[in-house]
Amino acid sequence: MNWANFFYMGGYGFYVWGSYIATLILLGAEVLQLLRRRKSLREQDRR
């Protein structure tokens, strides 16, 4: 098995890797949103 076959995944590589990328982007967006929300709540607590 070589790397090209691994990434191609029998013709399903586009869907598999696309799903991984979409998941990572959404998880990253969730983390950023949570960090912003936490910062906002802490600022509200100080007032």
N, C-alpha and C. Protein backbone atom coordinates (compact mmCIF):
# COMPACT_ATOMS: atom_id res chain seq x y z
N MET A 1 0.85 -1.18 0.00
CA MET A 1 0.00 0.00 0.00
C MET A 1 0.89 1.24 0.00
N ASN A 2 0.58 2.17 -0.87
CA ASN A 2 1.33 3.43 -0.87
C ASN A 2 0.41 4.56 -0.41
N TRP A 3 0.98 5.75 -0.27
CA TRP A 3 0.22 6.88 0.26
C TRP A 3 -0.92 7.30 -0.66
N ALA A 4 -0.72 7.20 -1.97
CA ALA A 4 -1.77 7.59 -2.91
C ALA A 4 -3.00 6.70 -2.72
N ASN A 5 -2.79 5.41 -2.56
CA ASN A 5 -3.91 4.50 -2.32
C ASN A 5 -4.58 4.78 -0.99
N PHE A 6 -3.77 5.10 0.00
CA PHE A 6 -4.33 5.42 1.32
C PHE A 6 -5.25 6.63 1.24
N PHE A 7 -4.81 7.69 0.58
CA PHE A 7 -5.62 8.90 0.48
C PHE A 7 -6.81 8.73 -0.47
N TYR A 8 -6.66 7.89 -1.47
CA TYR A 8 -7.74 7.64 -2.43
C TYR A 8 -8.85 6.80 -1.81
N MET A 9 -8.50 5.88 -0.94
CA MET A 9 -9.42 5.02 -0.20
C MET A 9 -10.45 4.34 -1.09
N GLY A 10 -9.99 3.76 -2.16
CA GLY A 10 -10.88 3.00 -3.03
C GLY A 10 -11.94 3.85 -3.71
N GLY A 11 -11.66 5.11 -3.92
CA GLY A 11 -12.60 5.99 -4.59
C GLY A 11 -13.46 6.81 -3.64
N TYR A 12 -13.38 6.52 -2.35
CA TYR A 12 -14.18 7.24 -1.37
C TYR A 12 -13.39 8.28 -0.60
N GLY A 13 -12.15 8.49 -0.98
CA GLY A 13 -11.28 9.43 -0.26
C GLY A 13 -11.84 10.83 -0.18
N PHE A 14 -12.46 11.31 -1.26
CA PHE A 14 -13.02 12.66 -1.25
C PHE A 14 -14.05 12.81 -0.14
N TYR A 15 -14.92 11.81 0.02
CA TYR A 15 -15.97 11.88 1.04
C TYR A 15 -15.40 11.70 2.44
N VAL A 16 -14.47 10.77 2.57
CA VAL A 16 -13.88 10.50 3.89
C VAL A 16 -13.09 11.71 4.37
N TRP A 17 -12.17 12.20 3.53
CA TRP A 17 -11.33 13.32 3.95
C TRP A 17 -12.14 14.60 4.05
N GLY A 18 -13.14 14.75 3.20
CA GLY A 18 -14.03 15.91 3.30
C GLY A 18 -14.78 15.91 4.62
N SER A 19 -15.20 14.74 5.05
CA SER A 19 -15.90 14.62 6.34
C SER A 19 -14.97 14.95 7.50
N TYR A 20 -13.74 14.46 7.43
CA TYR A 20 -12.77 14.78 8.48
C TYR A 20 -12.51 16.28 8.54
N ILE A 21 -12.32 16.90 7.39
CA ILE A 21 -12.04 18.33 7.35
C ILE A 21 -13.22 19.13 7.87
N ALA A 22 -14.43 18.78 7.44
CA ALA A 22 -15.63 19.48 7.91
C ALA A 22 -15.78 19.34 9.42
N THR A 23 -15.52 18.15 9.95
CA THR A 23 -15.62 17.92 11.39
C THR A 23 -14.60 18.76 12.14
N LEU A 24 -13.37 18.79 11.66
CA LEU A 24 -12.33 19.58 12.33
C LEU A 24 -12.66 21.07 12.30
N ILE A 25 -13.18 21.55 11.18
CA ILE A 25 -13.56 22.97 11.09
C ILE A 25 -14.68 23.28 12.07
N LEU A 26 -15.69 22.42 12.11
CA LEU A 26 -16.82 22.66 13.02
C LEU A 26 -16.41 22.56 14.48
N LEU A 27 -15.55 21.61 14.81
CA LEU A 27 -15.06 21.51 16.19
C LEU A 27 -14.23 22.73 16.57
N GLY A 28 -13.40 23.19 15.65
CA GLY A 28 -12.61 24.39 15.90
C GLY A 28 -13.49 25.61 16.10
N ALA A 29 -14.54 25.73 15.29
CA ALA A 29 -15.48 26.85 15.44
C ALA A 29 -16.19 26.77 16.78
N GLU A 30 -16.54 25.57 17.21
CA GLU A 30 -17.21 25.39 18.50
C GLU A 30 -16.29 25.82 19.65
N VAL A 31 -15.03 25.42 19.59
CA VAL A 31 -14.08 25.81 20.63
C VAL A 31 -13.92 27.32 20.67
N LEU A 32 -13.77 27.95 19.51
CA LEU A 32 -13.64 29.41 19.48
C LEU A 32 -14.88 30.09 20.04
N GLN A 33 -16.05 29.59 19.69
CA GLN A 33 -17.29 30.17 20.20
C GLN A 33 -17.38 30.02 21.72
N LEU A 34 -16.99 28.87 22.23
CA LEU A 34 -17.01 28.67 23.68
C LEU A 34 -16.02 29.59 24.39
N LEU A 35 -14.85 29.78 23.82
CA LEU A 35 -13.86 30.68 24.43
C LEU A 35 -14.37 32.12 24.44
N ARG A 36 -14.98 32.54 23.34
CA ARG A 36 -15.53 33.90 23.29
C ARG A 36 -16.66 34.07 24.30
N ARG A 37 -17.51 33.05 24.41
CA ARG A 37 -18.63 33.11 25.36
C ARG A 37 -18.12 33.17 26.79
N ARG A 38 -17.10 32.39 27.09
CA ARG A 38 -16.53 32.40 28.44
C ARG A 38 -15.95 33.77 28.76
N LYS A 39 -15.25 34.36 27.79
CA LYS A 39 -14.68 35.69 28.00
C LYS A 39 -15.78 36.71 28.23
N SER A 40 -16.85 36.63 27.45
CA SER A 40 -17.97 37.55 27.59
C SER A 40 -18.63 37.41 28.96
N LEU A 41 -18.82 36.18 29.41
CA LEU A 41 -19.44 35.97 30.72
C LEU A 41 -18.55 36.47 31.85
N ARG A 42 -17.25 36.29 31.72
CA ARG A 42 -16.34 36.80 32.75
C ARG A 42 -16.36 38.33 32.79
N GLU A 43 -16.45 38.97 31.63
CA GLU A 43 -16.53 40.43 31.59
C GLU A 43 -17.84 40.91 32.20
N GLN A 44 -18.92 40.19 31.98
CA GLN A 44 -20.20 40.56 32.58
C GLN A 44 -20.16 40.38 34.09
N ASP A 45 -19.46 39.37 34.57
CA ASP A 45 -19.32 39.13 36.00
C ASP A 45 -18.59 40.27 36.70
N ARG A 46 -17.64 40.87 36.02
CA ARG A 46 -16.84 41.94 36.62
C ARG A 46 -17.65 43.22 36.80
N ARG A 47 -18.71 43.38 36.03
CA ARG A 47 -19.50 44.62 36.09
C ARG A 47 -20.39 44.69 37.29
